Every structure is written in C-alpha cells, then in structure tokens.
N, C-alpha and C. Protein backbone atom coordinates (compact mmCIF):
# COMPACT_ATOMS: atom_id res chain seq x y z
N MET A 1 -200.84 -111.29 -83.69
CA MET A 1 -199.84 -111.82 -82.78
C MET A 1 -200.24 -111.44 -81.36
N ASN A 2 -200.20 -112.41 -80.47
CA ASN A 2 -200.55 -112.10 -79.09
C ASN A 2 -199.35 -111.46 -78.36
N GLU A 3 -199.62 -110.89 -77.22
CA GLU A 3 -198.60 -110.15 -76.46
C GLU A 3 -197.45 -111.05 -76.02
N LYS A 4 -197.74 -112.27 -75.62
CA LYS A 4 -196.70 -113.20 -75.18
C LYS A 4 -195.73 -113.49 -76.32
N ASN A 5 -196.25 -113.80 -77.51
CA ASN A 5 -195.39 -114.06 -78.66
C ASN A 5 -194.59 -112.83 -79.04
N LYS A 6 -195.23 -111.68 -79.02
CA LYS A 6 -194.54 -110.42 -79.33
C LYS A 6 -193.36 -110.20 -78.39
N ASN A 7 -193.59 -110.39 -77.09
CA ASN A 7 -192.52 -110.21 -76.11
C ASN A 7 -191.40 -111.22 -76.28
N GLU A 8 -191.74 -112.46 -76.59
CA GLU A 8 -190.72 -113.49 -76.81
C GLU A 8 -189.88 -113.18 -78.04
N ILE A 9 -190.51 -112.72 -79.09
CA ILE A 9 -189.79 -112.36 -80.31
C ILE A 9 -188.89 -111.15 -80.07
N GLN A 10 -189.41 -110.15 -79.38
CA GLN A 10 -188.61 -108.97 -79.09
C GLN A 10 -187.41 -109.33 -78.20
N SER A 11 -187.63 -110.19 -77.23
CA SER A 11 -186.55 -110.62 -76.35
C SER A 11 -185.47 -111.37 -77.14
N ALA A 12 -185.90 -112.28 -78.00
CA ALA A 12 -184.94 -113.04 -78.82
C ALA A 12 -184.18 -112.12 -79.76
N THR A 13 -184.86 -111.13 -80.30
CA THR A 13 -184.21 -110.17 -81.20
C THR A 13 -183.17 -109.36 -80.44
N PHE A 14 -183.50 -108.94 -79.23
CA PHE A 14 -182.56 -108.19 -78.40
C PHE A 14 -181.34 -109.05 -78.08
N GLU A 15 -181.56 -110.31 -77.72
CA GLU A 15 -180.45 -111.22 -77.43
C GLU A 15 -179.57 -111.40 -78.67
N ARG A 16 -180.19 -111.46 -79.82
CA ARG A 16 -179.43 -111.59 -81.07
C ARG A 16 -178.60 -110.34 -81.35
N LEU A 17 -179.16 -109.17 -81.07
CA LEU A 17 -178.42 -107.92 -81.22
C LEU A 17 -177.21 -107.91 -80.29
N LEU A 18 -177.39 -108.31 -79.05
CA LEU A 18 -176.27 -108.35 -78.10
C LEU A 18 -175.20 -109.32 -78.56
N LYS A 19 -175.61 -110.48 -79.06
CA LYS A 19 -174.65 -111.47 -79.57
C LYS A 19 -173.88 -110.89 -80.75
N HIS A 20 -174.59 -110.21 -81.64
CA HIS A 20 -173.95 -109.61 -82.80
C HIS A 20 -172.91 -108.56 -82.36
N LEU A 21 -173.29 -107.70 -81.43
CA LEU A 21 -172.35 -106.69 -80.94
C LEU A 21 -171.17 -107.35 -80.23
N ASP A 22 -171.42 -108.44 -79.51
CA ASP A 22 -170.34 -109.14 -78.82
C ASP A 22 -169.36 -109.74 -79.82
N GLU A 23 -169.87 -110.19 -80.94
CA GLU A 23 -169.00 -110.76 -81.98
C GLU A 23 -168.27 -109.68 -82.77
N ARG A 24 -168.67 -108.43 -82.63
CA ARG A 24 -168.06 -107.31 -83.37
C ARG A 24 -167.44 -106.30 -82.41
N LYS A 25 -166.56 -106.81 -81.57
CA LYS A 25 -165.89 -105.92 -80.61
C LYS A 25 -165.00 -104.90 -81.31
N ASP A 26 -164.69 -105.18 -82.58
CA ASP A 26 -163.89 -104.23 -83.36
C ASP A 26 -164.67 -102.95 -83.66
N VAL A 27 -165.98 -103.02 -83.61
CA VAL A 27 -166.81 -101.84 -83.85
C VAL A 27 -166.86 -101.03 -82.57
N GLN A 28 -166.30 -99.85 -82.62
CA GLN A 28 -166.23 -99.00 -81.45
C GLN A 28 -167.55 -98.26 -81.24
N ASN A 29 -167.80 -97.86 -80.00
CA ASN A 29 -169.02 -97.12 -79.70
C ASN A 29 -169.13 -95.84 -80.53
N ILE A 30 -168.03 -95.18 -80.76
CA ILE A 30 -168.07 -93.94 -81.55
C ILE A 30 -168.51 -94.24 -82.98
N ASP A 31 -168.11 -95.42 -83.50
CA ASP A 31 -168.56 -95.82 -84.84
C ASP A 31 -170.07 -96.00 -84.85
N LEU A 32 -170.59 -96.69 -83.84
CA LEU A 32 -172.03 -96.88 -83.74
C LEU A 32 -172.76 -95.54 -83.63
N MET A 33 -172.23 -94.65 -82.81
CA MET A 33 -172.87 -93.33 -82.65
C MET A 33 -172.89 -92.57 -83.97
N ASN A 34 -171.78 -92.60 -84.68
CA ASN A 34 -171.70 -91.86 -85.95
C ASN A 34 -172.64 -92.44 -87.00
N LEU A 35 -172.78 -93.75 -87.03
CA LEU A 35 -173.59 -94.40 -88.06
C LEU A 35 -175.05 -94.58 -87.68
N ALA A 36 -175.30 -94.90 -86.40
CA ALA A 36 -176.66 -95.28 -86.01
C ALA A 36 -177.27 -94.39 -84.93
N ASN A 37 -176.48 -93.47 -84.41
CA ASN A 37 -176.94 -92.55 -83.37
C ASN A 37 -177.31 -93.27 -82.06
N PHE A 38 -176.68 -94.41 -81.81
CA PHE A 38 -176.76 -95.09 -80.52
C PHE A 38 -175.53 -95.98 -80.39
N CYS A 39 -175.24 -96.38 -79.15
CA CYS A 39 -174.09 -97.25 -78.93
C CYS A 39 -174.41 -98.23 -77.81
N ARG A 40 -173.44 -98.99 -77.39
CA ARG A 40 -173.64 -99.96 -76.32
C ARG A 40 -174.04 -99.26 -75.02
N ASN A 41 -173.47 -98.08 -74.77
CA ASN A 41 -173.82 -97.34 -73.56
C ASN A 41 -175.28 -96.89 -73.60
N CYS A 42 -175.75 -96.50 -74.78
CA CYS A 42 -177.17 -96.15 -74.93
C CYS A 42 -178.04 -97.35 -74.60
N LEU A 43 -177.68 -98.51 -75.14
CA LEU A 43 -178.44 -99.72 -74.88
C LEU A 43 -178.47 -100.04 -73.39
N SER A 44 -177.36 -99.87 -72.71
CA SER A 44 -177.34 -100.16 -71.27
C SER A 44 -178.21 -99.17 -70.50
N ARG A 45 -178.21 -97.92 -70.91
CA ARG A 45 -179.07 -96.92 -70.26
C ARG A 45 -180.54 -97.25 -70.50
N TRP A 46 -180.88 -97.60 -71.74
CA TRP A 46 -182.27 -97.97 -72.06
C TRP A 46 -182.68 -99.19 -71.26
N TYR A 47 -181.78 -100.15 -71.11
CA TYR A 47 -182.05 -101.36 -70.34
C TYR A 47 -182.38 -101.00 -68.89
N ARG A 48 -181.54 -100.16 -68.30
CA ARG A 48 -181.76 -99.72 -66.92
C ARG A 48 -183.07 -98.96 -66.79
N GLU A 49 -183.35 -98.07 -67.71
CA GLU A 49 -184.58 -97.28 -67.66
C GLU A 49 -185.83 -98.17 -67.78
N GLU A 50 -185.79 -99.16 -68.64
CA GLU A 50 -186.93 -100.07 -68.79
C GLU A 50 -187.11 -100.93 -67.54
N ALA A 51 -186.00 -101.33 -66.92
CA ALA A 51 -186.09 -102.07 -65.66
C ALA A 51 -186.76 -101.21 -64.60
N GLU A 52 -186.37 -99.94 -64.53
CA GLU A 52 -186.95 -99.02 -63.55
C GLU A 52 -188.46 -98.87 -63.75
N LYS A 53 -188.90 -98.87 -65.00
CA LYS A 53 -190.35 -98.78 -65.29
C LYS A 53 -191.10 -99.97 -64.71
N LYS A 54 -190.40 -101.08 -64.57
CA LYS A 54 -190.99 -102.30 -64.01
C LYS A 54 -190.77 -102.39 -62.50
N GLY A 55 -190.20 -101.34 -61.90
CA GLY A 55 -189.95 -101.33 -60.47
C GLY A 55 -188.70 -102.10 -60.08
N ILE A 56 -187.83 -102.38 -61.05
CA ILE A 56 -186.60 -103.12 -60.79
C ILE A 56 -185.43 -102.13 -60.84
N THR A 57 -184.69 -102.09 -59.76
CA THR A 57 -183.55 -101.17 -59.68
C THR A 57 -182.27 -101.93 -60.01
N ILE A 58 -181.59 -101.46 -61.04
CA ILE A 58 -180.26 -101.99 -61.35
C ILE A 58 -179.33 -100.80 -61.56
N SER A 59 -178.09 -100.99 -61.25
CA SER A 59 -177.13 -99.90 -61.38
C SER A 59 -176.68 -99.76 -62.84
N ASP A 60 -176.10 -98.62 -63.14
CA ASP A 60 -175.52 -98.43 -64.47
C ASP A 60 -174.48 -99.51 -64.75
N GLN A 61 -173.69 -99.82 -63.73
CA GLN A 61 -172.65 -100.84 -63.88
C GLN A 61 -173.26 -102.20 -64.22
N GLU A 62 -174.32 -102.57 -63.53
CA GLU A 62 -174.99 -103.85 -63.81
C GLU A 62 -175.59 -103.87 -65.22
N ALA A 63 -176.19 -102.77 -65.62
CA ALA A 63 -176.77 -102.69 -66.96
C ALA A 63 -175.69 -102.78 -68.02
N ARG A 64 -174.58 -102.10 -67.81
CA ARG A 64 -173.49 -102.17 -68.78
C ARG A 64 -172.91 -103.57 -68.88
N GLU A 65 -172.80 -104.24 -67.75
CA GLU A 65 -172.28 -105.61 -67.77
C GLU A 65 -173.21 -106.52 -68.57
N ARG A 66 -174.50 -106.30 -68.46
CA ARG A 66 -175.47 -107.08 -69.24
C ARG A 66 -175.28 -106.85 -70.73
N ILE A 67 -175.06 -105.61 -71.12
CA ILE A 67 -174.92 -105.27 -72.54
C ILE A 67 -173.54 -105.67 -73.07
N TYR A 68 -172.50 -105.41 -72.31
CA TYR A 68 -171.14 -105.70 -72.77
C TYR A 68 -170.74 -107.16 -72.58
N GLY A 69 -171.45 -107.89 -71.72
CA GLY A 69 -171.11 -109.29 -71.47
C GLY A 69 -169.94 -109.46 -70.53
N MET A 70 -169.53 -108.39 -69.91
CA MET A 70 -168.42 -108.40 -68.95
C MET A 70 -168.42 -107.03 -68.28
N PRO A 71 -167.68 -106.88 -67.19
CA PRO A 71 -167.60 -105.54 -66.60
C PRO A 71 -167.10 -104.52 -67.63
N TYR A 72 -167.71 -103.36 -67.61
CA TYR A 72 -167.40 -102.31 -68.58
C TYR A 72 -165.91 -101.96 -68.56
N SER A 73 -165.33 -101.88 -67.36
CA SER A 73 -163.91 -101.53 -67.26
C SER A 73 -163.04 -102.56 -67.98
N GLU A 74 -163.43 -103.82 -67.90
CA GLU A 74 -162.69 -104.88 -68.58
C GLU A 74 -162.83 -104.75 -70.10
N TRP A 75 -164.05 -104.47 -70.56
CA TRP A 75 -164.29 -104.32 -72.00
C TRP A 75 -163.47 -103.14 -72.54
N LYS A 76 -163.49 -102.01 -71.82
CA LYS A 76 -162.73 -100.84 -72.25
C LYS A 76 -161.24 -101.16 -72.36
N LYS A 77 -160.73 -101.85 -71.36
CA LYS A 77 -159.30 -102.19 -71.34
C LYS A 77 -158.92 -103.10 -72.51
N LYS A 78 -159.79 -104.06 -72.82
CA LYS A 78 -159.48 -105.02 -73.87
C LYS A 78 -159.77 -104.52 -75.28
N TYR A 79 -160.86 -103.75 -75.46
CA TYR A 79 -161.35 -103.49 -76.82
C TYR A 79 -161.46 -102.03 -77.24
N GLN A 80 -161.49 -101.10 -76.27
CA GLN A 80 -161.64 -99.71 -76.68
C GLN A 80 -160.34 -99.16 -77.22
N LYS A 81 -160.43 -98.52 -78.37
CA LYS A 81 -159.23 -97.96 -79.01
C LYS A 81 -159.12 -96.48 -78.74
C-alpha cells in the first residue's frame, strides 16, 4: 500500500470513528476511559498535538469542537451526565 492510500484510509477511519462517537452521545467520556483508556478529550488532545507536529497551531477549544462536532461547552450542557 502506498503512503497516499494509507493516509486516505486512516483519514476515512478517523472520520468514521468521529461519526460513531457522534451517534453515541449516550456514551460518556468516563465510560470510554474506563473501558478503552481514552475519551473524546484524549482524541482532541491527540488531534491538536498532531497538528502542532505539522506546524499548525490550533487551540484546545478548536480541537475539541472538531472531535465533538460542536463547541465543547454546548456538548457538555446537552449530553454530559
């Protein structure tokens, strides 16, 4: 597999993971941490860190919005138990 195909597949897989998490708002971050040792906040931090490796600066807030699909404060208000 060439690098371009690998990156496209990884990107599509990541988008699918985000879609899956978006469809499962009932699953709380603490549930993810207990079961998988990562949560949406971890994903947003990893996203920001990988952007920084590419010389792209994004804020924690921007990274969380990318992962949560909305501002984090809005997600917490609507879905966090």
